[in-house]
PDB file of N, CA and C in Angstrom:
ATOM      1  N   MET A   1     -21.045 -28.826  21.822  1.00  0.00           N
ATOM      2  CA  MET A   1     -20.214 -29.454  22.561  1.00  0.00           C
ATOM      3  C   MET A   1     -18.730 -29.292  21.754  1.00  0.00           C
ATOM      4  N   PHE A   2     -18.415 -29.049  20.648  1.00  0.00           N
ATOM      5  CA  PHE A   2     -17.404 -28.886  19.785  1.00  0.00           C
ATOM      6  C   PHE A   2     -17.321 -27.432  19.678  1.00  0.00           C
ATOM      7  N   TYR A   3     -15.954 -27.215  19.949  1.00  0.00           N
ATOM      8  CA  TYR A   3     -15.581 -25.716  19.878  1.00  0.00           C
ATOM      9  C   TYR A   3     -14.571 -25.636  18.858  1.00  0.00           C
ATOM     10  N   ARG A   4     -14.776 -24.668  17.763  1.00  0.00           N
ATOM     11  CA  ARG A   4     -13.602 -24.530  16.693  1.00  0.00           C
ATOM     12  C   ARG A   4     -13.040 -23.013  16.950  1.00  0.00           C
ATOM     13  N   LEU A   5     -11.589 -23.469  16.771  1.00  0.00           N
ATOM     14  CA  LEU A   5     -10.636 -22.157  16.817  1.00  0.00           C
ATOM     15  C   LEU A   5     -10.850 -21.617  15.639  1.00  0.00           C
ATOM     16  N   PRO A   6     -11.005 -20.418  15.655  1.00  0.00           N
ATOM     17  CA  PRO A   6     -10.788 -19.908  14.555  1.00  0.00           C
ATOM     18  C   PRO A   6      -9.171 -19.334  13.987  1.00  0.00           C
ATOM     19  N   ARG A   7      -8.613 -20.415  13.544  1.00  0.00           N
ATOM     20  CA  ARG A   7      -7.282 -20.509  13.160  1.00  0.00           C
ATOM     21  C   ARG A   7      -6.967 -19.585  11.709  1.00  0.00           C
ATOM     22  N   GLY A   8      -8.075 -19.297  10.814  1.00  0.00           N
ATOM     23  CA  GLY A   8      -7.777 -18.620   9.601  1.00  0.00           C
ATOM     24  C   GLY A   8      -8.231 -17.312   9.639  1.00  0.00           C
ATOM     25  N   GLN A   9      -8.729 -16.993  10.628  1.00  0.00           N
ATOM     26  CA  GLN A   9      -9.470 -15.511  10.884  1.00  0.00           C
ATOM     27  C   GLN A   9      -8.108 -14.417  10.915  1.00  0.00           C
ATOM     28  N   GLY A  10      -7.110 -14.641  11.523  1.00  0.00           N
ATOM     29  CA  GLY A  10      -6.094 -13.669  11.603  1.00  0.00           C
ATOM     30  C   GLY A  10      -5.240 -13.586  10.243  1.00  0.00           C
ATOM     31  N   LEU A  11      -5.168 -14.881   9.606  1.00  0.00           N
ATOM     32  CA  LEU A  11      -4.530 -14.552   8.096  1.00  0.00           C
ATOM     33  C   LEU A  11      -5.484 -13.866   7.351  1.00  0.00           C
ATOM     34  N   VAL A  12      -6.616 -14.056   7.485  1.00  0.00           N
ATOM     35  CA  VAL A  12      -7.640 -13.065   6.323  1.00  0.00           C
ATOM     36  C   VAL A  12      -7.487 -11.558   6.542  1.00  0.00           C
ATOM     37  N   GLU A  13      -7.500 -11.441   7.973  1.00  0.00           N
ATOM     38  CA  GLU A  13      -7.217 -10.109   8.683  1.00  0.00           C
ATOM     39  C   GLU A  13      -6.165  -9.490   7.872  1.00  0.00           C
ATOM     40  N   TYR A  14      -5.039 -10.193   8.287  1.00  0.00           N
ATOM     41  CA  TYR A  14      -3.749  -9.591   7.772  1.00  0.00           C
ATOM     42  C   TYR A  14      -3.512  -9.531   6.032  1.00  0.00           C
ATOM     43  N   ALA A  15      -4.209 -10.115   5.455  1.00  0.00           N
ATOM     44  CA  ALA A  15      -4.283 -10.023   3.918  1.00  0.00           C
ATOM     45  C   ALA A  15      -5.207  -9.035   3.562  1.00  0.00           C
ATOM     46  N   LEU A  16      -6.249  -8.611   4.188  1.00  0.00           N
ATOM     47  CA  LEU A  16      -7.194  -7.484   3.959  1.00  0.00           C
ATOM     48  C   LEU A  16      -6.360  -6.197   4.389  1.00  0.00           C
ATOM     49  N   ILE A  17      -5.502  -6.095   5.349  1.00  0.00           N
ATOM     50  CA  ILE A  17      -4.658  -5.150   5.909  1.00  0.00           C
ATOM     51  C   ILE A  17      -3.852  -4.690   4.741  1.00  0.00           C
ATOM     52  N   ILE A  18      -3.283  -5.879   4.171  1.00  0.00           N
ATOM     53  CA  ILE A  18      -2.192  -5.754   3.262  1.00  0.00           C
ATOM     54  C   ILE A  18      -2.642  -5.276   1.581  1.00  0.00           C
ATOM     55  N   LEU A  19      -3.763  -5.767   1.446  1.00  0.00           N
ATOM     56  CA  LEU A  19      -4.581  -5.559   0.497  1.00  0.00           C
ATOM     57  C   LEU A  19      -5.037  -3.935   0.358  1.00  0.00           C
ATOM     58  N   LEU A  20      -5.488  -3.491   1.725  1.00  0.00           N
ATOM     59  CA  LEU A  20      -5.979  -1.901   1.664  1.00  0.00           C
ATOM     60  C   LEU A  20      -4.710  -1.151   1.488  1.00  0.00           C
ATOM     61  N   VAL A  21      -3.452  -1.486   2.236  1.00  0.00           N
ATOM     62  CA  VAL A  21      -2.287  -0.546   1.894  1.00  0.00           C
ATOM     63  C   VAL A  21      -1.488  -0.785   0.590  1.00  0.00           C
ATOM     64  N   GLY A  22      -2.042  -1.879  -0.019  1.00  0.00           N
ATOM     65  CA  GLY A  22      -1.722  -1.773  -1.594  1.00  0.00           C
ATOM     66  C   GLY A  22      -2.207  -0.796  -2.464  1.00  0.00           C
ATOM     67  N   VAL A  23      -3.597  -0.808  -2.060  1.00  0.00           N
ATOM     68  CA  VAL A  23      -4.594  -0.039  -2.806  1.00  0.00           C
ATOM     69  C   VAL A  23      -4.052   1.330  -2.456  1.00  0.00           C
ATOM     70  N   VAL A  24      -3.999   1.932  -1.429  1.00  0.00           N
ATOM     71  CA  VAL A  24      -3.612   3.294  -1.122  1.00  0.00           C
ATOM     72  C   VAL A  24      -2.318   3.601  -1.787  1.00  0.00           C
ATOM     73  N   VAL A  25      -1.452   2.753  -1.653  1.00  0.00           N
ATOM     74  CA  VAL A  25       0.117   3.067  -2.553  1.00  0.00           C
ATOM     75  C   VAL A  25      -0.397   3.293  -3.921  1.00  0.00           C
ATOM     76  N   ILE A  26      -1.147   2.341  -4.467  1.00  0.00           N
ATOM     77  CA  ILE A  26      -1.354   2.670  -6.001  1.00  0.00           C
ATOM     78  C   ILE A  26      -1.763   3.924  -6.256  1.00  0.00           C
ATOM     79  N   VAL A  27      -2.989   3.943  -5.289  1.00  0.00           N
ATOM     80  CA  VAL A  27      -3.531   5.578  -5.714  1.00  0.00           C
ATOM     81  C   VAL A  27      -2.705   6.612  -5.513  1.00  0.00           C
ATOM     82  N   LEU A  28      -2.132   6.639  -4.550  1.00  0.00           N
ATOM     83  CA  LEU A  28      -1.224   7.683  -4.034  1.00  0.00           C
ATOM     84  C   LEU A  28      -0.053   7.857  -5.299  1.00  0.00           C
ATOM     85  N   VAL A  29       0.660   6.719  -5.924  1.00  0.00           N
ATOM     86  CA  VAL A  29       1.235   6.931  -7.066  1.00  0.00           C
ATOM     87  C   VAL A  29       0.771   7.270  -8.434  1.00  0.00           C
ATOM     88  N   ALA A  30      -0.417   7.050  -8.440  1.00  0.00           N
ATOM     89  CA  ALA A  30      -1.323   7.522  -9.503  1.00  0.00           C
ATOM     90  C   ALA A  30      -1.270   8.816  -9.497  1.00  0.00           C
ATOM     91  N   LEU A  31      -1.785   9.269  -8.167  1.00  0.00           N
ATOM     92  CA  LEU A  31      -1.912  10.765  -8.077  1.00  0.00           C
ATOM     93  C   LEU A  31      -0.821  11.700  -8.155  1.00  0.00           C
ATOM     94  N   PHE A  32       0.533  11.316  -7.385  1.00  0.00           N
ATOM     95  CA  PHE A  32       1.518  12.001  -7.209  1.00  0.00           C
ATOM     96  C   PHE A  32       2.832  11.710  -7.813  1.00  0.00           C
ATOM     97  N   GLY A  33       2.511  10.778  -8.720  1.00  0.00           N
ATOM     98  CA  GLY A  33       3.825  10.187  -9.163  1.00  0.00           C
ATOM     99  C   GLY A  33       4.511  10.790 -10.261  1.00  0.00           C
ATOM    100  N   THR A  34       3.772  11.847 -10.913  1.00  0.00           N
ATOM    101  CA  THR A  34       4.476  12.535 -11.872  1.00  0.00           C
ATOM    102  C   THR A  34       5.099  13.829 -11.405  1.00  0.00           C
ATOM    103  N   ALA A  35       4.294  14.445 -10.285  1.00  0.00           N
ATOM    104  CA  ALA A  35       4.914  15.451  -9.514  1.00  0.00           C
ATOM    105  C   ALA A  35       6.276  14.973  -8.979  1.00  0.00           C
ATOM    106  N   VAL A  36       6.154  14.009  -8.245  1.00  0.00           N
ATOM    107  CA  VAL A  36       7.500  13.774  -7.652  1.00  0.00           C
ATOM    108  C   VAL A  36       8.295  13.285  -8.488  1.00  0.00           C
ATOM    109  N   GLY A  37       8.126  12.611  -9.536  1.00  0.00           N
ATOM    110  CA  GLY A  37       9.347  12.782 -10.892  1.00  0.00           C
ATOM    111  C   GLY A  37       9.521  13.963 -11.257  1.00  0.00           C
ATOM    112  N   ASN A  38       8.781  15.033 -11.411  1.00  0.00           N
ATOM    113  CA  ASN A  38       9.424  16.306 -11.780  1.00  0.00           C
ATOM    114  C   ASN A  38      10.027  17.117 -10.888  1.00  0.00           C
ATOM    115  N   MET A  39       9.811  16.720  -9.425  1.00  0.00           N
ATOM    116  CA  MET A  39      10.538  17.257  -8.514  1.00  0.00           C
ATOM    117  C   MET A  39      11.945  16.711  -8.409  1.00  0.00           C
ATOM    118  N   PHE A  40      12.241  15.302  -8.351  1.00  0.00           N
ATOM    119  CA  PHE A  40      13.284  14.734  -8.593  1.00  0.00           C
ATOM    120  C   PHE A  40      14.197  15.510  -9.737  1.00  0.00           C
ATOM    121  N   SER A  41      13.577  15.455 -10.994  1.00  0.00           N
ATOM    122  CA  SER A  41      14.299  16.018 -12.178  1.00  0.00           C
ATOM    123  C   SER A  41      14.753  17.467 -12.187  1.00  0.00           C
ATOM    124  N   THR A  42      14.216  18.332 -11.124  1.00  0.00           N
ATOM    125  CA  THR A  42      14.482  19.533 -11.187  1.00  0.00           C
ATOM    126  C   THR A  42      15.705  19.452  -9.988  1.00  0.00           C
ATOM    127  N   VAL A  43      15.584  18.922  -8.779  1.00  0.00           N
ATOM    128  CA  VAL A  43      16.866  18.724  -8.087  1.00  0.00           C
ATOM    129  C   VAL A  43      17.931  18.111  -8.783  1.00  0.00           C
ATOM    130  N   ILE A  44      17.721  17.034  -9.850  1.00  0.00           N
ATOM    131  CA  ILE A  44      19.207  16.507 -10.272  1.00  0.00           C
ATOM    132  C   ILE A  44      19.678  17.505 -11.065  1.00  0.00           C
ATOM    133  N   THR A  45      18.862  18.049 -11.926  1.00  0.00           N
ATOM    134  CA  THR A  45      19.272  19.261 -12.903  1.00  0.00           C
ATOM    135  C   THR A  45      19.969  20.456 -12.018  1.00  0.00           C
ATOM    136  N   ASN A  46      19.535  20.741 -11.208  1.00  0.00           N
ATOM    137  CA  ASN A  46      19.861  21.877 -10.526  1.00  0.00           C
ATOM    138  C   ASN A  46      21.068  21.630  -9.669  1.00  0.00           C
ATOM    139  N   PHE A  47      21.334  20.289  -9.313  1.00  0.00           N
ATOM    140  CA  PHE A  47      22.263  20.050  -8.703  1.00  0.00           C
ATOM    141  C   PHE A  47      23.586  19.849  -9.640  1.00  0.00           C
TER     142      PHE A  47
END
């Protein structure tokens, strides 16, 4: 007879999405960070 509303479910889903995006950003920075830094250094040097 008692129906419980899933109030915290949406918050947990948003937290998992934010966590996944954060992990992806960290991995991309770890993989391409030095290459992007070198590219900016080259552009600044030639400017």
